[in-house]
Amino acid sequence: MTFSEVSGHQRPLRVLQRVLASGRVPHAQLFWGPEGVGKELVARALARVLLCADPGARDRGEGCGRCGPCAKCDGGSHPDLHLVVAQKASISVDDVRRLQETLAYQAFERGCKVAIIRDAFRLTREAANALLKTLEEPPAGVYLVLLAHHRNQLLPTLVSRCQALRFDPLPEAEVLRLLTERGVEAATAAAMAAVSGGCPGPVLDADPEEFLAADREAGEVVAQWGRQPAGRGFALASGWAADKDRLGTRLDGLERHLRRRAREQAVSHPADADGGELDALAGLTTLRYLLERNVNAQLALDALFLGMLGHLWEEGP
């Protein structure tokens, strides 16, 4: 992946290309924005430039694409490019210490090292404090890129030591173009782009029929939110919990429709907005947190659909 192949994000790309050309690349950066918007693609494109063997790569803001390091980056096998991901629900202090140990050694390619921390908000407090030491005194030639949905998800001490770049949702037309390039039929691609929220990641990887069916179902659920009888809530919870393969897609659709309804309420009837959608979104966040910790899915979904999993749920994040 190169900067020129990235769809959208002209503002953060210009910032990155400017700092590359200046020769003053920050040792720690935070890319934040919605899930699936393309933050990791840009982080990998940045790593490709930093690790490229061509001395002119940074001035151009692009890897040469011909050297061994570029080929290894493209193939995901570069020994100096490290990706840290959550094991189960969190990134532990042991994960951070292993990364620190790896970064302390000399680079294999005699250049620099790059570490990308996916979902950095999953760092435990102990892990975040351990990482802080690396951000404060980074080894020479080490660059870290933290990825998060929002900067407020991280400890302020971590954010203050990073250059933060915001990644906004793409225009609907851009998501539509990406889908049609993947061979998705025009009408289906238009429908998917319309509900993507400007985040191409989830829709590009989804089965079109399954994605749209889950989105329609989520829209129907949100339209009746807070008004459906208890029996309907229990039935939904039972059906969704039993179909684990589609649960993630359904919850994504639920979040999209809740956010859309909250925005519409805030614009059209600000005085009448009672915060019900925001409570539901808080409950959905808590639900995802609990599911990652192997809580009984049906019980958690029961609580969500009955409106009992909002801000007051004590076991939430």
Protein backbone atom coordinates (compact mmCIF):
# COMPACT_ATOMS: atom_id res chain seq x y z
CA MET A 1 0.00 0.00 0.00
CA THR A 2 1.29 3.46 -0.97
CA PHE A 3 -0.03 6.93 -0.19
CA SER A 4 -1.11 7.34 -3.80
CA GLU A 5 -3.27 4.21 -3.50
CA VAL A 6 -5.09 5.43 -0.40
CA SER A 7 -8.66 6.60 -1.04
CA GLY A 8 -9.45 10.00 0.43
CA HIS A 9 -7.76 11.37 3.56
CA GLN A 10 -5.98 14.14 1.67
CA ARG A 11 -5.49 16.26 4.80
CA PRO A 12 -3.66 13.67 6.96
CA LEU A 13 -1.71 12.49 3.91
CA ARG A 14 -0.50 16.03 3.23
CA VAL A 15 0.59 16.35 6.85
CA LEU A 16 2.51 13.07 6.69
CA GLN A 17 4.19 13.87 3.40
CA ARG A 18 5.19 17.29 4.73
CA VAL A 19 6.83 15.89 7.88
CA LEU A 20 8.56 13.17 5.84
CA ALA A 21 10.07 15.77 3.53
CA SER A 22 11.12 17.92 6.49
CA GLY A 23 13.17 15.09 7.98
CA ARG A 24 11.47 15.60 11.37
CA VAL A 25 9.15 12.61 11.55
CA PRO A 26 7.56 12.30 15.03
CA HIS A 27 8.60 9.14 16.85
CA ALA A 28 5.02 8.62 18.04
CA GLN A 29 1.82 9.30 16.13
CA LEU A 30 -1.84 8.69 16.90
CA PHE A 31 -4.21 8.03 14.00
CA TRP A 32 -7.80 8.30 15.21
CA GLY A 33 -11.13 7.98 13.46
CA PRO A 34 -14.03 5.55 12.94
CA GLU A 35 -13.39 1.84 12.62
CA GLY A 36 -12.79 0.75 9.04
CA VAL A 37 -12.03 4.25 7.76
CA GLY A 38 -8.50 3.37 6.59
CA LYS A 39 -6.16 4.34 9.46
CA GLU A 40 -4.15 1.12 9.33
CA LEU A 41 -3.75 1.33 5.55
CA VAL A 42 -2.19 4.77 5.95
CA ALA A 43 -0.01 3.56 8.82
CA ARG A 44 1.32 0.75 6.63
CA ALA A 45 1.92 3.18 3.76
CA LEU A 46 3.89 5.40 6.15
CA ALA A 47 5.92 2.40 7.34
CA ARG A 48 6.74 1.55 3.72
CA VAL A 49 8.23 5.01 3.18
CA LEU A 50 10.21 4.94 6.43
CA LEU A 51 11.63 1.48 5.71
CA CYS A 52 12.36 2.03 2.00
CA ALA A 53 16.03 1.65 1.03
CA ASP A 54 15.84 4.52 -1.48
CA PRO A 55 17.27 7.65 0.23
CA GLY A 56 14.85 9.82 -1.76
CA ALA A 57 11.73 8.04 -0.52
CA ARG A 58 11.01 10.46 2.32
CA ASP A 59 11.40 13.52 0.09
CA ARG A 60 8.94 11.99 -2.40
CA GLY A 61 6.58 10.73 0.30
CA GLU A 62 6.49 7.32 -1.39
CA GLY A 63 8.51 4.12 -1.20
CA CYS A 64 10.30 3.24 -4.41
CA GLY A 65 8.43 -0.06 -4.81
CA ARG A 66 11.54 -1.72 -6.21
CA CYS A 67 13.78 -2.42 -3.23
CA GLY A 68 13.71 -5.42 -0.93
CA PRO A 69 12.21 -3.54 2.05
CA CYS A 70 9.30 -2.27 -0.09
CA ALA A 71 8.61 -5.81 -1.32
CA LYS A 72 8.71 -7.13 2.24
CA CYS A 73 6.33 -4.41 3.44
CA ASP A 74 3.93 -5.22 0.63
CA GLY A 75 4.11 -8.91 1.50
CA GLY A 76 3.74 -8.35 5.23
CA SER A 77 7.12 -9.96 5.99
CA HIS A 78 9.39 -7.04 6.84
CA PRO A 79 11.30 -7.96 10.03
CA ASP A 80 11.39 -4.33 11.21
CA LEU A 81 7.65 -3.71 10.83
CA HIS A 82 5.75 -4.87 13.92
CA LEU A 83 1.98 -5.04 14.39
CA VAL A 84 0.62 -5.23 17.94
CA VAL A 85 -2.95 -6.50 18.29
CA ALA A 86 -5.11 -7.32 21.27
CA GLN A 87 -4.99 -10.89 22.50
CA LYS A 88 -8.61 -11.67 23.36
CA ALA A 89 -9.91 -8.41 24.84
CA SER A 90 -6.88 -6.31 25.69
CA ILE A 91 -3.25 -5.46 25.01
CA SER A 92 -1.43 -6.50 28.15
CA VAL A 93 1.68 -5.15 29.81
CA ASP A 94 3.46 -8.33 28.72
CA ASP A 95 2.59 -7.53 25.08
CA VAL A 96 4.09 -4.06 25.50
CA ARG A 97 7.23 -5.40 27.20
CA ARG A 98 7.78 -7.88 24.37
CA LEU A 99 7.49 -5.02 21.89
CA GLN A 100 9.92 -2.90 23.89
CA GLU A 101 12.42 -5.75 23.97
CA THR A 102 12.13 -6.19 20.20
CA LEU A 103 12.54 -2.46 19.54
CA ALA A 104 15.67 -2.33 21.69
CA TYR A 105 17.60 -4.53 19.24
CA GLN A 106 19.31 -3.24 16.12
CA ALA A 107 17.15 -3.16 13.01
CA PHE A 108 17.54 -6.16 10.70
CA GLU A 109 17.72 -3.96 7.61
CA ARG A 110 20.12 -1.49 9.32
CA GLY A 111 17.51 1.22 9.02
CA CYS A 112 14.66 2.05 11.34
CA LYS A 113 11.87 0.11 13.04
CA VAL A 114 8.14 0.78 12.88
CA ALA A 115 5.50 -0.52 15.29
CA ILE A 116 1.76 -0.18 14.61
CA ILE A 117 -0.51 -0.68 17.63
CA ARG A 118 -3.97 -1.57 16.41
CA ASP A 119 -6.88 -0.58 18.69
CA ALA A 120 -4.54 1.15 21.13
CA PHE A 121 -7.54 1.88 23.35
CA ARG A 122 -7.37 -1.79 24.35
CA LEU A 123 -4.14 -1.15 26.24
CA THR A 124 -4.63 -1.95 29.89
CA ARG A 125 -3.70 0.86 32.25
CA GLU A 126 -0.55 -1.00 33.23
CA ALA A 127 0.33 -1.55 29.56
CA ALA A 128 -0.33 2.11 28.72
CA ASN A 129 1.94 3.24 31.52
CA ALA A 130 4.66 0.86 30.32
CA LEU A 131 4.32 2.17 26.75
CA LEU A 132 4.56 5.72 28.05
CA LYS A 133 8.22 5.11 28.91
CA THR A 134 8.94 4.25 25.27
CA LEU A 135 7.07 7.33 24.04
CA GLU A 136 9.01 9.56 26.41
CA GLU A 137 12.43 8.09 25.53
CA PRO A 138 12.09 6.27 22.18
CA PRO A 139 15.09 4.26 20.98
CA ALA A 140 16.88 5.85 18.06
CA GLY A 141 15.26 5.03 14.72
CA VAL A 142 12.01 3.73 16.25
CA TYR A 143 8.62 5.01 15.10
CA LEU A 144 5.31 4.08 16.70
CA VAL A 145 1.82 4.56 15.27
CA LEU A 146 -1.13 4.11 17.62
CA LEU A 147 -4.58 3.51 16.10
CA ALA A 148 -7.81 4.34 17.94
CA HIS A 149 -11.43 5.25 17.23
CA HIS A 150 -11.13 8.45 19.29
CA ARG A 151 -8.28 10.19 21.06
CA ASN A 152 -10.34 10.36 24.25
CA GLN A 153 -10.13 6.57 24.51
CA LEU A 154 -6.46 6.83 25.48
CA LEU A 155 -4.74 8.16 28.57
CA PRO A 156 -4.07 11.90 28.14
CA THR A 157 -0.41 11.27 28.93
CA LEU A 158 -0.16 8.98 25.88
CA VAL A 159 -1.99 11.40 23.59
CA SER A 160 0.17 14.33 24.69
CA ARG A 161 3.29 12.50 23.50
CA CYS A 162 1.94 11.71 20.03
CA GLN A 163 1.26 13.75 16.94
CA ALA A 164 -2.48 13.17 16.55
CA LEU A 165 -4.07 12.95 13.09
CA ARG A 166 -7.83 12.72 12.64
CA PHE A 167 -9.26 10.49 9.89
CA ASP A 168 -12.75 11.50 8.78
CA PRO A 169 -15.29 9.26 7.01
CA LEU A 170 -14.98 9.16 3.23
CA PRO A 171 -17.60 10.71 0.95
CA GLU A 172 -20.33 8.26 -0.03
CA ALA A 173 -19.28 8.55 -3.69
CA GLU A 174 -15.77 7.34 -2.81
CA VAL A 175 -17.12 4.28 -0.99
CA LEU A 176 -19.36 3.61 -4.00
CA ARG A 177 -16.35 3.75 -6.32
CA LEU A 178 -14.41 1.28 -4.17
CA LEU A 179 -17.35 -1.14 -4.15
CA THR A 180 -17.90 -0.99 -7.90
CA GLU A 181 -14.17 -1.56 -8.44
CA ARG A 182 -14.59 -4.73 -6.39
CA GLY A 183 -17.25 -5.88 -8.87
CA VAL A 184 -20.31 -5.21 -6.72
CA GLU A 185 -23.41 -4.62 -8.86
CA ALA A 186 -24.25 -0.90 -9.20
CA ALA A 187 -27.57 -0.81 -7.33
CA THR A 188 -26.24 -3.00 -4.53
CA ALA A 189 -23.06 -0.92 -4.28
CA ALA A 190 -25.12 2.28 -4.04
CA ALA A 191 -27.23 0.80 -1.24
CA MET A 192 -24.17 -0.36 0.67
CA ALA A 193 -22.36 2.97 0.25
CA ALA A 194 -25.42 4.83 1.50
CA VAL A 195 -25.34 3.02 4.84
CA SER A 196 -21.56 2.67 5.18
CA GLY A 197 -21.14 5.85 7.18
CA GLY A 198 -18.12 6.67 5.04
CA CYS A 199 -16.14 3.73 6.44
CA PRO A 200 -15.27 1.37 3.58
CA GLY A 201 -13.61 -1.36 5.66
CA PRO A 202 -16.77 -3.14 6.86
CA VAL A 203 -18.59 -2.98 3.52
CA LEU A 204 -15.65 -4.01 1.34
CA ASP A 205 -15.20 -7.21 3.34
CA ALA A 206 -18.91 -8.03 3.64
CA ASP A 207 -21.21 -10.26 1.66
CA PRO A 208 -23.53 -7.69 -0.01
CA GLU A 209 -26.80 -9.53 0.58
CA GLU A 210 -25.96 -10.35 4.19
CA PHE A 211 -24.77 -6.81 4.88
CA LEU A 212 -27.92 -5.17 3.50
CA ALA A 213 -30.23 -7.67 5.21
CA ALA A 214 -28.53 -7.02 8.56
CA ASP A 215 -28.75 -3.28 7.99
CA ARG A 216 -32.47 -3.42 7.22
CA GLU A 217 -33.08 -5.51 10.32
CA ALA A 218 -31.10 -3.08 12.47
CA GLY A 219 -33.09 -0.16 11.04
CA GLU A 220 -36.36 -1.87 11.98
CA VAL A 221 -35.09 -2.54 15.51
CA VAL A 222 -34.02 1.09 16.01
CA ALA A 223 -37.31 2.39 14.61
CA GLN A 224 -39.09 0.54 17.43
CA TRP A 225 -36.45 1.22 20.08
CA GLY A 226 -37.99 1.61 23.51
CA ARG A 227 -41.47 0.78 22.24
CA GLN A 228 -41.33 -2.93 21.50
CA PRO A 229 -42.87 -5.29 24.07
CA ALA A 230 -40.54 -7.26 26.33
CA GLY A 231 -41.34 -10.46 24.48
CA ARG A 232 -40.03 -8.98 21.24
CA GLY A 233 -36.79 -7.94 22.97
CA PHE A 234 -36.25 -11.43 24.37
CA ALA A 235 -36.94 -12.98 20.96
CA LEU A 236 -34.43 -10.66 19.27
CA ALA A 237 -31.81 -11.42 21.89
CA SER A 238 -32.33 -15.16 21.50
CA GLY A 239 -32.12 -15.06 17.70
CA TRP A 240 -29.07 -12.80 17.55
CA ALA A 241 -27.20 -14.73 20.24
CA ALA A 242 -27.80 -18.03 18.45
CA ASP A 243 -26.44 -16.72 15.12
CA LYS A 244 -22.90 -15.85 16.23
CA ASP A 245 -21.57 -15.58 12.65
CA ARG A 246 -23.85 -12.61 11.92
CA LEU A 247 -23.84 -10.98 15.34
CA GLY A 248 -20.96 -8.60 14.58
CA THR A 249 -22.60 -7.41 11.34
CA ARG A 250 -25.92 -6.89 13.14
CA LEU A 251 -24.33 -4.92 15.95
CA ASP A 252 -22.48 -2.74 13.42
CA GLY A 253 -25.80 -2.01 11.71
CA LEU A 254 -27.42 -1.25 15.05
CA GLU A 255 -24.71 1.26 15.86
CA ARG A 256 -25.00 2.98 12.45
CA HIS A 257 -28.77 3.43 12.81
CA LEU A 258 -28.59 4.57 16.43
CA ARG A 259 -25.98 7.19 15.55
CA ARG A 260 -28.02 8.37 12.56
CA ARG A 261 -31.17 8.64 14.66
CA ALA A 262 -29.33 10.52 17.42
CA ARG A 263 -27.98 13.04 14.88
CA GLU A 264 -31.41 13.49 13.28
CA GLN A 265 -33.03 14.05 16.67
CA ALA A 266 -30.40 16.58 17.68
CA VAL A 267 -30.90 18.57 14.45
CA SER A 268 -34.67 18.38 13.98
CA HIS A 269 -35.93 18.35 17.58
CA PRO A 270 -33.12 19.49 19.87
CA ALA A 271 -35.49 20.49 22.68
CA ASP A 272 -37.22 17.09 22.60
CA ALA A 273 -34.10 14.96 22.45
CA ASP A 274 -34.25 12.79 25.56
CA GLY A 275 -30.92 11.03 25.17
CA GLY A 276 -32.52 7.63 24.54
CA GLU A 277 -30.33 6.94 21.53
CA LEU A 278 -27.21 8.00 23.43
CA ASP A 279 -28.13 5.65 26.28
CA ALA A 280 -28.62 2.87 23.72
CA LEU A 281 -25.21 3.63 22.16
CA ALA A 282 -23.62 3.52 25.61
CA GLY A 283 -25.35 0.19 26.18
CA LEU A 284 -24.07 -1.11 22.84
CA THR A 285 -20.50 -0.13 23.76
CA THR A 286 -20.89 -1.97 27.05
CA LEU A 287 -22.32 -4.99 25.25
CA ARG A 288 -19.29 -5.25 22.97
CA TYR A 289 -17.01 -4.92 25.99
CA LEU A 290 -18.85 -7.75 27.76
CA LEU A 291 -18.93 -10.03 24.72
CA GLU A 292 -15.15 -9.71 24.36
CA ARG A 293 -14.92 -11.03 27.91
CA ASN A 294 -17.09 -14.06 27.08
CA VAL A 295 -20.15 -12.92 29.00
CA ASN A 296 -23.29 -14.89 28.09
CA ALA A 297 -24.38 -13.26 24.81
CA GLN A 298 -28.11 -13.78 25.27
CA LEU A 299 -28.15 -12.30 28.76
CA ALA A 300 -26.20 -9.26 27.58
CA LEU A 301 -28.49 -8.82 24.55
CA ASP A 302 -31.56 -9.20 26.79
CA ALA A 303 -30.28 -6.30 28.89
CA LEU A 304 -29.51 -4.19 25.80
CA PHE A 305 -32.92 -4.60 24.17
CA LEU A 306 -34.73 -4.01 27.47
CA GLY A 307 -32.84 -0.75 27.96
CA MET A 308 -30.90 -1.96 31.00
CA LEU A 309 -27.38 -1.74 29.58
CA GLY A 310 -26.72 1.99 29.41
CA HIS A 311 -24.70 4.44 31.45
CA LEU A 312 -25.59 2.89 34.80
CA TRP A 313 -24.32 -0.62 34.02
CA GLU A 314 -21.58 -0.97 36.61
CA GLU A 315 -19.55 -3.63 34.82
CA GLY A 316 -19.03 -1.61 31.68
CA PRO A 317 -15.78 -0.10 30.41
